[in-house]
Amino acid sequence: MSYCINPKCQQRENSDNLSHCQSCGSELLINQRYRIVKPLRELNPAFPTDIFEVIDLGLGEDDWGARKVLKVLKYSNNPALVRLFQQEARVLMFLQHSGIPKVEPDGYFTVQLPKSGKQLYCLVMEFIEGENLADWIDKHGGISPEFVLVWLSELTNILDGLHSQNLLHRDIKPSNLLVRPNGQLALIDFGIVGVGEWGLTKVGTTGYAAPEQIVGEAVIPSDFFALGRTFVHLLTGRSPMDFPEDPKTGRLIWRSSVKGISQELADLIDDLMAAFPEKRPKNTRVILQRLQLIKSPADSSKLFDRKWILNSAKWGLVGALVVIFLAPYIFRVVNQFIIPGLDKFFTNLGTDHYNNSQFSSAESYYELALKFNPNNQAAEYSLGKICEEKKDFDCAISRYQDVINGSNSDAGAAAISSLARLQILSEDAKTVNVDLIFKGFKLTSQPGIQASLYKNLGWLRWEQNRIQEAEGYLKRAIAISQTNEYNYASPYCLLAQVKEAQKADASQEWDICYQDASSSILEEQVWASMARQRLRASGKHVE
């Protein structure tokens, strides 16, 4: 099916073998490149834009056949709308962030309709698979405070990239956030982004827009107000407009609707929503620092002391860690192996800080380890995990590839597994080197790493719709976990989905997935949410 781009067309659906609309005569291959597959929302005359899914049939090998999004401005006679549309195009072309839809330099163009001569403004952007959070919350209910820490960090990092370019989004709300299948967020709809003189336009959504923004005086912290309101909605499952305000302070009265939230996190959300912009966090860095403190309160008892370190090394307090943890913390395994001298000590110290979510200090210790021994693949691998925490996936991939090319076979196998996981999470399964994964099995006898490799093989085959292979690999991962008494939710969560595809009973797998899912592994939290939904539907009581 091909859709006609003409908003006035009486019959917009056409068969794929036509070059022109059978009703109005408009070309169906837009800009000699894009064929409209279907609308992504209702084709409503009241909306200034139509949004479609399109297939790219251009000449580029990388893009040919790719799904993309086409946004069409219908009202070219409205200069204000045209200006905002062109502004969105410029912003998206300029910004490069995994949480923002990408627009190529040729993604903005105009189309002239054949009979009326009317001009349509078009913007083609990256298709981000996912569901907007407004719909997601309607289906799944409010999210846990632990999940808020992850998503609030992600969204703040996205805003950091935006604000660093002197840009405001000005319309943050659940319906403008997409949750991908891997659980990561994307921020969409940049149609009212403010550039420089933000206060010249009164824009935003009631209930989320800051008071100063409503009267045309937006500033950087105006986005933080909407951010706080959005997370009240996500935590409670209710619109912020449903909650009363304290008549004395103007603060939203919402905390009693959320169980288990820490005072520090609730205080941060309230500060984001402060009535006056000067009372809110000054910038994204302040928010990220406070989130870091909430995740891992500062430990002042372990100050860096050179004499203590040297004495510790002298008396052999640089022994290897013993406890084995599975991916994505599998690097604790590779730290067991002997790396002489202080680099081993710093590696272990970094791991202790990492396990307490003190990522900044952990990074410093790992870098110190590499200063003493540039060939310390355990520290190199661990820095890859730090890159993941920062959402700097290019950095993580680079670190893992360096480890894979190194001499530490266990670290190499762990890096192979982590690299495959990242590629699958980024929905780039075609780049996963299966031969490299099989090489990982030859490099290590560590059961934790082998279980992770089998899980990622099963996950890859599931994404490729190779159901039987996926089932076999996931069962192997589970068998290793059971033999070694690990709690490893991921293969159970994936096997549950495989069994559902096979029309088989998956209740046992969903139950284990829900019980064992880690709050620190994002994909497991997404799968746990699916598990909770399935278990409730089957009549089982879950929290």
Foldseek 3Di string as FASTA:
>chain_A
DFFDPQLPFPDGDDDPVDQADPTQGFGQQPPVFKTFDAWPDDSDPVDQKTKTWIAGCDDDPVRHRAIKMKIKGNCPVDVVQVVLVVVLQVLQCPFDDLQEWHFHPPQWDWDQRDPPRDIMTMGITHDAAFAQQLVVCVQQNADALLLCLVQVLLVLLVVQSQVVQQKDQQEDARRQWGQHLLRHIHGDDSSQIDHNQQLPDQDYDPLQFAPSSNNRRDDSLRNLLSVLQRNLCRHQVDHLVVFDADPVQRFTPRVVSHPPHDPLVVVLSRQSNGNDSVSHDPGSVVVNVSSLCVLAPDDPVDDDDPVVLVVCLVVPVLAQDDDADAPPLRLSVLLNDDDDDSLNSLQVVLSVCVVSSVLVSSLVSLVVSCVVPVQPLSSLQVVLVSCVVVVNNVSNLVSLVVSLPGDQLQSVLSSLLVNLVVCVSSVNLVPRDLVSLVVSVVSDPDLSSQLSSLLSQLSSCVSVVVLVSSLVSLVVSVVSCVVVVHLDLRSLLSNLVSCVVVVHDSLVSLVSLLVRQDSVNSSSSSSNSVSVSVCVVVVHDDD
